[in-house]
Amino acid sequence: MKYLKTTAYSILALGGATLGGLVLFTHRTARKVRAALPPSGSFVDLPGGRLHVREQGTGPVLLLVHGLGGQMGQFTYQVVEKLAADYRVVVVDRPGSGYSQRPASADLLSQADTLAALIDKLNLGRPLVVGHSLGGAVALALALNHPGRVAGLALVAPLSALPETVPPMFQRLMIPSRWRRQLVAWTVATPLSMRRSPQVMKALFGPETPPHDYATKAGGMLSLQPAQFLATIADLEALPTYLPTLTARLPELRLPVRVLYGRHDAVLDWTTNGRALVERVGDATLQLVEGGHMLPITQPDLVARFIRGEMVGEEVTV
């Protein structure tokens, strides 16, 4: 019996030491990431939280909203500089992403409300709102709930329909227990993300090739922070509650909507999220190009031209 007790205590001590080591590794990694990739913009305090925002250029206003698990680097990688000569480009970290705070409630509608407040705070008037992936869903919510603040939408690979199943690369994030999320976020999430990065990048970018500097120039390393891991889970968890209602309201849109999709997008199906969207909106067009999901990174020239209103691919008739 004494031997068994000693063994049990040893196992508990070893487990505690392992957990402590993982927490320390995660904390140090997050600190190194923040030191390597400090905020590149300014901070704006709003009722919905503090947002990290970057502005560049002058002219008609563009508001750029990134997708799930990302941050503004998905646009500042190259797209912003290609537009800033002719536009006032405002790019934002969504609540909980990058360096923006995430309040207790930050679902699609709340994030849209926060962006509406940002438009007012910065005197943006009625910008053209650009949304990529989940940022497309947020842009749609903004246009539906605050139509007077949006001139039009330019959506790149937007999420507009609830998928039947969570894409494989995000399935490991489906952790229903909140205390388990915190435990995972502060222990194994960071080292596992680092280990799985090549596979995740291949799935996210396919069939195109991820750039070698995505982690740094595009800010990909910021996703290693526990807070962003938890925010990504919360974004996913809220979709079944809010996205179907949002999709049902698409016919209410009374502004121009342009949609761009990569024909071989492996994350979101273009027929379900692109064609079905434009079929339900009166003034909407869909263009298809050769490529995958991460067009703002892999084809920034093309995306910049699309945002400008140019024809860049095959127009799909509906």
C-alpha atoms as a PDB file:
ATOM      1  CA  MET A   1       0.000   0.000   0.000  1.00  0.00           C
ATOM      2  CA  LYS A   2       2.809   2.400   0.881  1.00  0.00           C
ATOM      3  CA  TYR A   3       4.416   1.688  -2.498  1.00  0.00           C
ATOM      4  CA  LEU A   4       1.142   2.423  -4.292  1.00  0.00           C
ATOM      5  CA  LYS A   5       0.723   5.735  -2.466  1.00  0.00           C
ATOM      6  CA  THR A   6       4.280   6.724  -3.267  1.00  0.00           C
ATOM      7  CA  THR A   7       3.757   5.861  -6.927  1.00  0.00           C
ATOM      8  CA  ALA A   8       0.490   7.822  -7.049  1.00  0.00           C
ATOM      9  CA  TYR A   9       2.124  10.883  -5.500  1.00  0.00           C
ATOM     10  CA  SER A  10       4.997  10.606  -7.960  1.00  0.00           C
ATOM     11  CA  ILE A  11       2.600  10.467 -10.899  1.00  0.00           C
ATOM     12  CA  LEU A  12       0.673  13.481  -9.594  1.00  0.00           C
ATOM     13  CA  ALA A  13       3.897  15.408  -9.065  1.00  0.00           C
ATOM     14  CA  LEU A  14       5.083  14.521 -12.552  1.00  0.00           C
ATOM     15  CA  GLY A  15       1.740  15.553 -14.043  1.00  0.00           C
ATOM     16  CA  GLY A  16       1.799  18.835 -12.162  1.00  0.00           C
ATOM     17  CA  ALA A  17       5.342  19.526 -13.278  1.00  0.00           C
ATOM     18  CA  THR A  18       4.425  18.748 -16.889  1.00  0.00           C
ATOM     19  CA  LEU A  19       1.423  21.077 -16.782  1.00  0.00           C
ATOM     20  CA  GLY A  20       3.515  23.773 -15.150  1.00  0.00           C
ATOM     21  CA  GLY A  21       6.146  23.402 -17.845  1.00  0.00           C
ATOM     22  CA  LEU A  22       3.535  23.685 -20.602  1.00  0.00           C
ATOM     23  CA  VAL A  23       2.023  26.809 -19.026  1.00  0.00           C
ATOM     24  CA  LEU A  24       5.478  28.377 -18.761  1.00  0.00           C
ATOM     25  CA  PHE A  25       6.272  27.463 -22.383  1.00  0.00           C
ATOM     26  CA  THR A  26       2.971  28.960 -23.570  1.00  0.00           C
ATOM     27  CA  HIS A  27       3.498  32.157 -21.583  1.00  0.00           C
ATOM     28  CA  ARG A  28       7.040  32.597 -22.869  1.00  0.00           C
ATOM     29  CA  THR A  29       6.026  31.847 -26.460  1.00  0.00           C
ATOM     30  CA  ALA A  30       3.195  34.403 -26.344  1.00  0.00           C
ATOM     31  CA  ARG A  31       5.589  36.986 -24.931  1.00  0.00           C
ATOM     32  CA  LYS A  32       8.132  36.302 -27.684  1.00  0.00           C
ATOM     33  CA  VAL A  33       5.428  36.542 -30.343  1.00  0.00           C
ATOM     34  CA  ARG A  34       4.261  39.925 -29.062  1.00  0.00           C
ATOM     35  CA  ALA A  35       7.845  41.169 -28.956  1.00  0.00           C
ATOM     36  CA  ALA A  36       8.504  40.001 -32.513  1.00  0.00           C
ATOM     37  CA  LEU A  37       5.171  41.296 -33.881  1.00  0.00           C
ATOM     38  CA  PRO A  38       4.168  44.401 -31.907  1.00  0.00           C
ATOM     39  CA  PRO A  39       1.023  46.382 -32.792  1.00  0.00           C
ATOM     40  CA  SER A  40       1.411  48.083 -36.156  1.00  0.00           C
ATOM     41  CA  GLY A  41      -1.546  50.454 -35.777  1.00  0.00           C
ATOM     42  CA  SER A  42      -3.320  52.458 -33.109  1.00  0.00           C
ATOM     43  CA  PHE A  43      -6.006  51.637 -30.563  1.00  0.00           C
ATOM     44  CA  VAL A  44      -9.595  52.878 -30.590  1.00  0.00           C
ATOM     45  CA  ASP A  45     -11.761  52.573 -27.486  1.00  0.00           C
ATOM     46  CA  LEU A  46     -15.383  51.697 -28.237  1.00  0.00           C
ATOM     47  CA  PRO A  47     -18.386  50.488 -26.222  1.00  0.00           C
ATOM     48  CA  GLY A  48     -17.740  46.992 -27.596  1.00  0.00           C
ATOM     49  CA  GLY A  49     -14.083  46.981 -26.522  1.00  0.00           C
ATOM     50  CA  ARG A  50     -10.717  48.275 -27.603  1.00  0.00           C
ATOM     51  CA  LEU A  51      -9.858  47.672 -31.261  1.00  0.00           C
ATOM     52  CA  HIS A  52      -6.469  47.626 -32.926  1.00  0.00           C
ATOM     53  CA  VAL A  53      -6.800  49.616 -36.161  1.00  0.00           C
ATOM     54  CA  ARG A  54      -4.399  50.621 -38.895  1.00  0.00           C
ATOM     55  CA  GLU A  55      -5.040  53.368 -41.453  1.00  0.00           C
ATOM     56  CA  GLN A  56      -3.171  54.138 -44.639  1.00  0.00           C
ATOM     57  CA  GLY A  57      -3.788  56.398 -47.624  1.00  0.00           C
ATOM     58  CA  THR A  58      -6.406  58.984 -48.538  1.00  0.00           C
ATOM     59  CA  GLY A  59      -9.512  58.967 -50.703  1.00  0.00           C
ATOM     60  CA  PRO A  60     -12.729  56.910 -50.677  1.00  0.00           C
ATOM     61  CA  VAL A  61     -12.861  54.745 -47.572  1.00  0.00           C
ATOM     62  CA  LEU A  62     -12.355  50.988 -47.462  1.00  0.00           C
ATOM     63  CA  LEU A  63     -12.910  48.989 -44.269  1.00  0.00           C
ATOM     64  CA  LEU A  64     -11.176  45.580 -44.336  1.00  0.00           C
ATOM     65  CA  VAL A  65     -12.292  42.718 -42.062  1.00  0.00           C
ATOM     66  CA  HIS A  66     -10.274  39.487 -41.786  1.00  0.00           C
ATOM     67  CA  GLY A  67     -11.391  35.907 -41.221  1.00  0.00           C
ATOM     68  CA  LEU A  68     -11.407  33.198 -38.554  1.00  0.00           C
ATOM     69  CA  GLY A  69      -8.271  32.792 -36.485  1.00  0.00           C
ATOM     70  CA  GLY A  70      -6.465  35.560 -38.360  1.00  0.00           C
ATOM     71  CA  GLN A  71      -5.791  39.247 -37.902  1.00  0.00           C
ATOM     72  CA  MET A  72      -5.165  42.351 -39.979  1.00  0.00           C
ATOM     73  CA  GLY A  73      -1.921  40.906 -41.336  1.00  0.00           C
ATOM     74  CA  GLN A  74      -3.986  38.928 -43.836  1.00  0.00           C
ATOM     75  CA  PHE A  75      -4.618  42.260 -45.579  1.00  0.00           C
ATOM     76  CA  THR A  76      -1.518  44.244 -44.605  1.00  0.00           C
ATOM     77  CA  TYR A  77       0.617  41.466 -46.113  1.00  0.00           C
ATOM     78  CA  GLN A  78       0.267  43.209 -49.504  1.00  0.00           C
ATOM     79  CA  VAL A  79      -3.322  44.166 -50.315  1.00  0.00           C
ATOM     80  CA  VAL A  80      -3.376  47.394 -48.262  1.00  0.00           C
ATOM     81  CA  GLU A  81      -0.288  48.887 -49.908  1.00  0.00           C
ATOM     82  CA  LYS A  82      -1.760  48.197 -53.349  1.00  0.00           C
ATOM     83  CA  LEU A  83      -4.875  50.225 -52.480  1.00  0.00           C
ATOM     84  CA  ALA A  84      -3.510  53.033 -50.309  1.00  0.00           C
ATOM     85  CA  ALA A  85      -2.472  55.216 -53.249  1.00  0.00           C
ATOM     86  CA  ASP A  86      -6.131  55.810 -54.119  1.00  0.00           C
ATOM     87  CA  TYR A  87      -8.112  54.978 -50.970  1.00  0.00           C
ATOM     88  CA  ARG A  88      -8.228  55.601 -47.271  1.00  0.00           C
ATOM     89  CA  VAL A  89      -7.747  52.004 -46.174  1.00  0.00           C
ATOM     90  CA  VAL A  90      -8.800  51.067 -42.648  1.00  0.00           C
ATOM     91  CA  VAL A  91      -7.959  47.532 -41.550  1.00  0.00           C
ATOM     92  CA  VAL A  92      -8.946  46.161 -38.155  1.00  0.00           C
ATOM     93  CA  ASP A  93      -8.248  43.227 -35.879  1.00  0.00           C
ATOM     94  CA  ARG A  94     -11.653  41.710 -35.139  1.00  0.00           C
ATOM     95  CA  PRO A  95     -12.562  41.511 -31.416  1.00  0.00           C
ATOM     96  CA  GLY A  96     -10.318  38.929 -29.758  1.00  0.00           C
ATOM     97  CA  SER A  97      -7.954  38.699 -32.727  1.00  0.00           C
ATOM     98  CA  GLY A  98      -4.483  40.156 -33.006  1.00  0.00           C
ATOM     99  CA  TYR A  99      -4.351  43.021 -30.529  1.00  0.00           C
ATOM    100  CA  SER A 100      -8.074  43.791 -30.226  1.00  0.00           C
ATOM    101  CA  GLN A 101      -9.915  43.077 -26.991  1.00  0.00           C
ATOM    102  CA  ARG A 102     -12.802  40.633 -26.951  1.00  0.00           C
ATOM    103  CA  PRO A 103     -15.766  41.451 -24.688  1.00  0.00           C
ATOM    104  CA  ALA A 104     -17.869  38.719 -23.094  1.00  0.00           C
ATOM    105  CA  SER A 105     -20.316  38.873 -26.009  1.00  0.00           C
ATOM    106  CA  ALA A 106     -18.653  39.058 -29.413  1.00  0.00           C
ATOM    107  CA  ASP A 107     -20.884  37.072 -31.774  1.00  0.00           C
ATOM    108  CA  LEU A 108     -21.437  38.090 -35.401  1.00  0.00           C
ATOM    109  CA  LEU A 109     -24.009  40.733 -34.516  1.00  0.00           C
ATOM    110  CA  SER A 110     -21.968  42.189 -31.659  1.00  0.00           C
ATOM    111  CA  GLN A 111     -18.887  42.393 -33.855  1.00  0.00           C
ATOM    112  CA  ALA A 112     -20.951  44.156 -36.514  1.00  0.00           C
ATOM    113  CA  ASP A 113     -22.170  46.636 -33.881  1.00  0.00           C
ATOM    114  CA  THR A 114     -18.579  47.276 -32.845  1.00  0.00           C
ATOM    115  CA  LEU A 115     -17.567  47.965 -36.446  1.00  0.00           C
ATOM    116  CA  ALA A 116     -20.518  50.340 -36.829  1.00  0.00           C
ATOM    117  CA  ALA A 117     -19.270  52.211 -33.753  1.00  0.00           C
ATOM    118  CA  LEU A 118     -15.784  52.287 -35.289  1.00  0.00           C
ATOM    119  CA  ILE A 119     -17.162  53.808 -38.488  1.00  0.00           C
ATOM    120  CA  ASP A 120     -18.770  56.574 -36.445  1.00  0.00           C
ATOM    121  CA  LYS A 121     -15.730  57.104 -34.215  1.00  0.00           C
ATOM    122  CA  LEU A 122     -13.324  57.500 -37.132  1.00  0.00           C
ATOM    123  CA  ASN A 123     -15.778  59.441 -39.292  1.00  0.00           C
ATOM    124  CA  LEU A 124     -15.555  56.916 -42.099  1.00  0.00           C
ATOM    125  CA  GLY A 125     -18.913  57.882 -43.592  1.00  0.00           C
ATOM    126  CA  ARG A 126     -20.236  54.961 -45.658  1.00  0.00           C
ATOM    127  CA  PRO A 127     -17.215  52.839 -46.574  1.00  0.00           C
ATOM    128  CA  LEU A 128     -17.000  49.935 -48.969  1.00  0.00           C
ATOM    129  CA  VAL A 129     -16.619  47.022 -46.562  1.00  0.00           C
ATOM    130  CA  VAL A 130     -14.297  44.193 -47.571  1.00  0.00           C
ATOM    131  CA  GLY A 131     -14.679  40.892 -45.727  1.00  0.00           C
ATOM    132  CA  HIS A 132     -12.665  37.704 -46.091  1.00  0.00           C
ATOM    133  CA  SER A 133     -14.026  34.313 -44.949  1.00  0.00           C
ATOM    134  CA  LEU A 134     -15.670  34.789 -41.516  1.00  0.00           C
ATOM    135  CA  GLY A 135     -15.029  38.497 -42.005  1.00  0.00           C
ATOM    136  CA  GLY A 136     -17.493  38.226 -44.894  1.00  0.00           C
ATOM    137  CA  ALA A 137     -20.192  37.060 -42.488  1.00  0.00           C
ATOM    138  CA  VAL A 138     -19.392  39.967 -40.163  1.00  0.00           C
ATOM    139  CA  ALA A 139     -19.561  42.359 -43.131  1.00  0.00           C
ATOM    140  CA  LEU A 140     -22.979  40.962 -44.086  1.00  0.00           C
ATOM    141  CA  ALA A 141     -24.207  41.438 -40.511  1.00  0.00           C
ATOM    142  CA  LEU A 142     -22.911  45.019 -40.576  1.00  0.00           C
ATOM    143  CA  ALA A 143     -24.717  45.776 -43.846  1.00  0.00           C
ATOM    144  CA  LEU A 144     -27.970  44.187 -42.650  1.00  0.00           C
ATOM    145  CA  ASN A 145     -28.083  45.776 -39.208  1.00  0.00           C
ATOM    146  CA  HIS A 146     -26.449  49.122 -40.083  1.00  0.00           C
ATOM    147  CA  PRO A 147     -27.284  49.737 -43.763  1.00  0.00           C
ATOM    148  CA  GLY A 148     -26.781  53.489 -43.437  1.00  0.00           C
ATOM    149  CA  ARG A 149     -23.110  52.957 -42.620  1.00  0.00           C
ATOM    150  CA  VAL A 150     -22.179  50.772 -45.596  1.00  0.00           C
ATOM    151  CA  ALA A 151     -21.910  51.787 -49.259  1.00  0.00           C
ATOM    152  CA  GLY A 152     -21.361  48.273 -50.555  1.00  0.00           C
ATOM    153  CA  LEU A 153     -19.678  44.945 -49.919  1.00  0.00           C
ATOM    154  CA  ALA A 154     -16.679  43.318 -51.612  1.00  0.00           C
ATOM    155  CA  LEU A 155     -16.474  39.804 -50.190  1.00  0.00           C
ATOM    156  CA  VAL A 156     -13.553  37.444 -50.720  1.00  0.00           C
ATOM    157  CA  ALA A 157     -14.353  33.760 -50.086  1.00  0.00           C
ATOM    158  CA  PRO A 158     -17.083  34.785 -47.626  1.00  0.00           C
ATOM    159  CA  LEU A 159     -18.779  32.485 -45.140  1.00  0.00           C
ATOM    160  CA  SER A 160     -22.506  32.926 -45.763  1.00  0.00           C
ATOM    161  CA  ALA A 161     -23.995  29.521 -44.960  1.00  0.00           C
ATOM    162  CA  LEU A 162     -23.598  27.199 -41.996  1.00  0.00           C
ATOM    163  CA  PRO A 163     -21.508  24.197 -43.097  1.00  0.00           C
ATOM    164  CA  GLU A 164     -22.893  20.733 -42.494  1.00  0.00           C
ATOM    165  CA  THR A 165     -19.666  19.799 -40.735  1.00  0.00           C
ATOM    166  CA  VAL A 166     -16.827  21.843 -39.295  1.00  0.00           C
ATOM    167  CA  PRO A 167     -13.832  21.852 -41.686  1.00  0.00           C
ATOM    168  CA  PRO A 168     -11.256  19.290 -40.503  1.00  0.00           C
ATOM    169  CA  MET A 169      -8.624  21.908 -39.708  1.00  0.00           C
ATOM    170  CA  PHE A 170     -10.977  23.510 -37.162  1.00  0.00           C
ATOM    171  CA  GLN A 171     -12.454  20.363 -35.635  1.00  0.00           C
ATOM    172  CA  ARG A 172      -9.863  20.214 -32.852  1.00  0.00           C
ATOM    173  CA  LEU A 173     -11.182  23.583 -31.678  1.00  0.00           C
ATOM    174  CA  MET A 174     -14.622  22.210 -30.875  1.00  0.00           C
ATOM    175  CA  ILE A 175     -14.180  22.017 -27.100  1.00  0.00           C
ATOM    176  CA  PRO A 176     -17.606  22.431 -25.407  1.00  0.00           C
ATOM    177  CA  SER A 177     -16.356  22.731 -21.836  1.00  0.00           C
ATOM    178  CA  ARG A 178     -15.122  26.243 -21.001  1.00  0.00           C
ATOM    179  CA  TRP A 179     -12.686  25.107 -18.304  1.00  0.00           C
ATOM    180  CA  ARG A 180     -11.191  22.567 -20.709  1.00  0.00           C
ATOM    181  CA  ARG A 181     -10.725  25.308 -23.299  1.00  0.00           C
ATOM    182  CA  GLN A 182      -8.755  27.343 -20.789  1.00  0.00           C
ATOM    183  CA  LEU A 183      -6.683  24.300 -19.830  1.00  0.00           C
ATOM    184  CA  VAL A 184      -5.942  23.456 -23.468  1.00  0.00           C
ATOM    185  CA  ALA A 185      -5.236  27.095 -24.349  1.00  0.00           C
ATOM    186  CA  TRP A 186      -2.613  27.454 -21.637  1.00  0.00           C
ATOM    187  CA  THR A 187      -0.989  24.017 -21.958  1.00  0.00           C
ATOM    188  CA  VAL A 188      -1.013  22.039 -25.205  1.00  0.00           C
ATOM    189  CA  ALA A 189      -2.599  24.394 -27.760  1.00  0.00           C
ATOM    190  CA  THR A 190       0.571  26.361 -28.518  1.00  0.00           C
ATOM    191  CA  PRO A 191       3.020  23.445 -28.909  1.00  0.00           C
ATOM    192  CA  LEU A 192       0.469  21.434 -30.897  1.00  0.00           C
ATOM    193  CA  SER A 193      -0.235  24.406 -33.159  1.00  0.00           C
ATOM    194  CA  MET A 194       3.470  24.775 -33.811  1.00  0.00           C
ATOM    195  CA  ARG A 195       3.790  21.066 -34.565  1.00  0.00           C
ATOM    196  CA  ARG A 196       0.753  20.945 -36.847  1.00  0.00           C
ATOM    197  CA  SER A 197       1.447  24.215 -38.631  1.00  0.00           C
ATOM    198  CA  PRO A 198       2.682  22.692 -41.939  1.00  0.00           C
ATOM    199  CA  GLN A 199      -0.421  20.494 -42.248  1.00  0.00           C
ATOM    200  CA  VAL A 200      -2.795  23.318 -41.291  1.00  0.00           C
ATOM    201  CA  MET A 201      -1.170  25.734 -43.723  1.00  0.00           C
ATOM    202  CA  LYS A 202      -1.402  23.194 -46.532  1.00  0.00           C
ATOM    203  CA  ALA A 203      -5.104  22.656 -45.840  1.00  0.00           C
ATOM    204  CA  LEU A 204      -5.814  26.373 -45.458  1.00  0.00           C
ATOM    205  CA  PHE A 205      -3.988  27.517 -48.585  1.00  0.00           C
ATOM    206  CA  GLY A 206      -4.466  24.516 -50.874  1.00  0.00           C
ATOM    207  CA  PRO A 207      -4.104  24.075 -53.754  1.00  0.00           C
ATOM    208  CA  GLU A 208      -1.866  27.149 -53.592  1.00  0.00           C
ATOM    209  CA  THR A 209       1.409  27.263 -51.676  1.00  0.00           C
ATOM    210  CA  PRO A 210       1.653  29.145 -48.363  1.00  0.00           C
ATOM    211  CA  PRO A 211       4.289  31.892 -48.462  1.00  0.00           C
ATOM    212  CA  HIS A 212       7.406  31.243 -46.399  1.00  0.00           C
ATOM    213  CA  ASP A 213       6.923  34.510 -44.466  1.00  0.00           C
ATOM    214  CA  TYR A 214       3.266  34.000 -43.501  1.00  0.00           C
ATOM    215  CA  ALA A 215       4.131  33.559 -39.811  1.00  0.00           C
ATOM    216  CA  THR A 216       5.936  36.891 -39.653  1.00  0.00           C
ATOM    217  CA  LYS A 217       4.913  39.280 -42.431  1.00  0.00           C
ATOM    218  CA  ALA A 218       1.272  38.142 -42.380  1.00  0.00           C
ATOM    219  CA  GLY A 219       1.208  37.901 -38.581  1.00  0.00           C
ATOM    220  CA  GLY A 220       0.447  34.191 -38.479  1.00  0.00           C
ATOM    221  CA  MET A 221       2.417  33.752 -35.252  1.00  0.00           C
ATOM    222  CA  LEU A 222      -0.137  35.849 -33.368  1.00  0.00           C
ATOM    223  CA  SER A 223      -2.507  32.880 -33.504  1.00  0.00           C
ATOM    224  CA  LEU A 224      -0.229  31.149 -30.981  1.00  0.00           C
ATOM    225  CA  GLN A 225      -1.547  33.418 -28.217  1.00  0.00           C
ATOM    226  CA  PRO A 226      -3.976  31.687 -25.830  1.00  0.00           C
ATOM    227  CA  ALA A 227      -6.450  34.576 -26.037  1.00  0.00           C
ATOM    228  CA  GLN A 228      -6.719  34.253 -29.808  1.00  0.00           C
ATOM    229  CA  PHE A 229      -7.103  30.470 -29.539  1.00  0.00           C
ATOM    230  CA  LEU A 230     -10.055  31.021 -27.180  1.00  0.00           C
ATOM    231  CA  ALA A 231     -11.537  33.754 -29.399  1.00  0.00           C
ATOM    232  CA  THR A 232     -11.415  31.448 -32.418  1.00  0.00           C
ATOM    233  CA  ILE A 233     -13.297  28.764 -30.498  1.00  0.00           C
ATOM    234  CA  ALA A 234     -15.904  31.327 -29.420  1.00  0.00           C
ATOM    235  CA  ASP A 235     -16.340  32.494 -33.026  1.00  0.00           C
ATOM    236  CA  LEU A 236     -16.959  28.932 -34.157  1.00  0.00           C
ATOM    237  CA  GLU A 237     -19.306  28.177 -31.280  1.00  0.00           C
ATOM    238  CA  ALA A 238     -21.524  31.177 -32.044  1.00  0.00           C
ATOM    239  CA  LEU A 239     -22.036  30.384 -35.732  1.00  0.00           C
ATOM    240  CA  PRO A 240     -24.955  27.896 -35.397  1.00  0.00           C
ATOM    241  CA  THR A 241     -26.878  30.445 -33.333  1.00  0.00           C
ATOM    242  CA  TYR A 242     -26.423  33.484 -35.541  1.00  0.00           C
ATOM    243  CA  LEU A 243     -25.438  32.520 -39.088  1.00  0.00           C
ATOM    244  CA  PRO A 244     -28.710  30.822 -40.198  1.00  0.00           C
ATOM    245  CA  THR A 245     -30.715  33.879 -39.128  1.00  0.00           C
ATOM    246  CA  LEU A 246     -28.275  36.113 -40.985  1.00  0.00           C
ATOM    247  CA  THR A 247     -28.519  33.977 -44.122  1.00  0.00           C
ATOM    248  CA  ALA A 248     -32.312  34.125 -44.023  1.00  0.00           C
ATOM    249  CA  ARG A 249     -32.132  37.927 -44.105  1.00  0.00           C
ATOM    250  CA  LEU A 250     -29.922  38.202 -47.203  1.00  0.00           C
ATOM    251  CA  PRO A 251     -32.846  39.292 -49.453  1.00  0.00           C
ATOM    252  CA  GLU A 252     -33.128  42.421 -47.262  1.00  0.00           C
ATOM    253  CA  LEU A 253     -29.828  43.782 -48.592  1.00  0.00           C
ATOM    254  CA  ARG A 254     -30.299  46.887 -50.719  1.00  0.00           C
ATOM    255  CA  LEU A 255     -26.726  47.671 -51.687  1.00  0.00           C
ATOM    256  CA  PRO A 256     -24.239  46.355 -54.247  1.00  0.00           C
ATOM    257  CA  VAL A 257     -22.492  43.122 -53.280  1.00  0.00           C
ATOM    258  CA  ARG A 258     -19.530  41.698 -55.173  1.00  0.00           C
ATOM    259  CA  VAL A 259     -18.209  38.225 -54.351  1.00  0.00           C
ATOM    260  CA  LEU A 260     -14.887  36.646 -55.313  1.00  0.00           C
ATOM    261  CA  TYR A 261     -14.105  32.959 -54.850  1.00  0.00           C
ATOM    262  CA  GLY A 262     -11.259  30.629 -55.688  1.00  0.00           C
ATOM    263  CA  ARG A 263     -12.619  27.788 -57.764  1.00  0.00           C
ATOM    264  CA  HIS A 264     -10.621  25.247 -55.738  1.00  0.00           C
ATOM    265  CA  ASP A 265     -11.263  26.670 -52.260  1.00  0.00           C
ATOM    266  CA  ALA A 266     -10.775  23.732 -49.861  1.00  0.00           C
ATOM    267  CA  VAL A 267     -12.172  25.530 -46.795  1.00  0.00           C
ATOM    268  CA  LEU A 268     -15.507  26.922 -48.014  1.00  0.00           C
ATOM    269  CA  ASP A 269     -17.500  25.627 -50.957  1.00  0.00           C
ATOM    270  CA  TRP A 270     -18.046  28.386 -53.514  1.00  0.00           C
ATOM    271  CA  THR A 271     -21.439  27.098 -54.619  1.00  0.00           C
ATOM    272  CA  THR A 272     -22.860  26.995 -51.082  1.00  0.00           C
ATOM    273  CA  ASN A 273     -21.325  30.254 -49.898  1.00  0.00           C
ATOM    274  CA  GLY A 274     -20.890  32.190 -53.144  1.00  0.00           C
ATOM    275  CA  ARG A 275     -23.534  31.257 -55.679  1.00  0.00           C
ATOM    276  CA  ALA A 276     -26.228  30.770 -53.033  1.00  0.00           C
ATOM    277  CA  LEU A 277     -25.413  34.204 -51.606  1.00  0.00           C
ATOM    278  CA  VAL A 278     -25.737  36.127 -54.873  1.00  0.00           C
ATOM    279  CA  GLU A 279     -28.912  34.228 -55.759  1.00  0.00           C
ATOM    280  CA  ARG A 280     -30.565  35.738 -52.672  1.00  0.00           C
ATOM    281  CA  VAL A 281     -29.319  39.313 -53.082  1.00  0.00           C
ATOM    282  CA  GLY A 282     -30.797  41.594 -55.719  1.00  0.00           C
ATOM    283  CA  ASP A 283     -27.665  43.527 -56.680  1.00  0.00           C
ATOM    284  CA  ALA A 284     -24.921  40.921 -56.432  1.00  0.00           C
ATOM    285  CA  THR A 285     -22.269  39.389 -58.687  1.00  0.00           C
ATOM    286  CA  LEU A 286     -19.927  36.422 -58.330  1.00  0.00           C
ATOM    287  CA  GLN A 287     -16.523  35.985 -59.933  1.00  0.00           C
ATOM    288  CA  LEU A 288     -14.507  32.772 -59.933  1.00  0.00           C
ATOM    289  CA  VAL A 289     -10.728  32.609 -60.278  1.00  0.00           C
ATOM    290  CA  GLU A 290      -8.172  29.832 -60.175  1.00  0.00           C
ATOM    291  CA  GLY A 291      -7.042  29.550 -56.570  1.00  0.00           C
ATOM    292  CA  GLY A 292      -7.879  28.551 -53.025  1.00  0.00           C
ATOM    293  CA  HIS A 293      -9.172  30.170 -49.856  1.00  0.00           C
ATOM    294  CA  MET A 294      -6.358  32.567 -48.946  1.00  0.00           C
ATOM    295  CA  LEU A 295      -6.542  34.830 -51.986  1.00  0.00           C
ATOM    296  CA  PRO A 296      -5.575  38.038 -50.086  1.00  0.00           C
ATOM    297  CA  ILE A 297      -2.216  36.384 -49.353  1.00  0.00           C
ATOM    298  CA  THR A 298      -1.633  34.314 -52.480  1.00  0.00           C
ATOM    299  CA  GLN A 299      -3.028  36.730 -55.082  1.00  0.00           C
ATOM    300  CA  PRO A 300      -2.935  40.247 -53.577  1.00  0.00           C
ATOM    301  CA  ASP A 301      -2.823  42.040 -56.943  1.00  0.00           C
ATOM    302  CA  LEU A 302      -5.950  40.259 -58.093  1.00  0.00           C
ATOM    303  CA  VAL A 303      -7.769  40.915 -54.801  1.00  0.00           C
ATOM    304  CA  ALA A 304      -6.832  44.609 -54.897  1.00  0.00           C
ATOM    305  CA  ARG A 305      -8.205  44.877 -58.425  1.00  0.00           C
ATOM    306  CA  PHE A 306     -11.391  43.109 -57.360  1.00  0.00           C
ATOM    307  CA  ILE A 307     -11.831  45.569 -54.495  1.00  0.00           C
ATOM    308  CA  ARG A 308     -11.379  48.415 -56.965  1.00  0.00           C
ATOM    309  CA  GLY A 309     -14.291  47.011 -58.947  1.00  0.00           C
ATOM    310  CA  GLU A 310     -12.411  45.440 -61.837  1.00  0.00           C
ATOM    311  CA  MET A 311     -13.367  42.187 -63.494  1.00  0.00           C
ATOM    312  CA  VAL A 312     -10.709  39.686 -62.460  1.00  0.00           C
ATOM    313  CA  GLY A 313     -12.276  36.293 -63.160  1.00  0.00           C
ATOM    314  CA  GLU A 314     -15.153  34.413 -64.707  1.00  0.00           C
ATOM    315  CA  GLU A 315     -18.511  35.926 -63.824  1.00  0.00           C
ATOM    316  CA  VAL A 316     -20.981  33.267 -62.771  1.00  0.00           C
ATOM    317  CA  THR A 317     -24.536  33.821 -63.896  1.00  0.00           C
ATOM    318  CA  VAL A 318     -27.316  32.873 -61.478  1.00  0.00           C
END
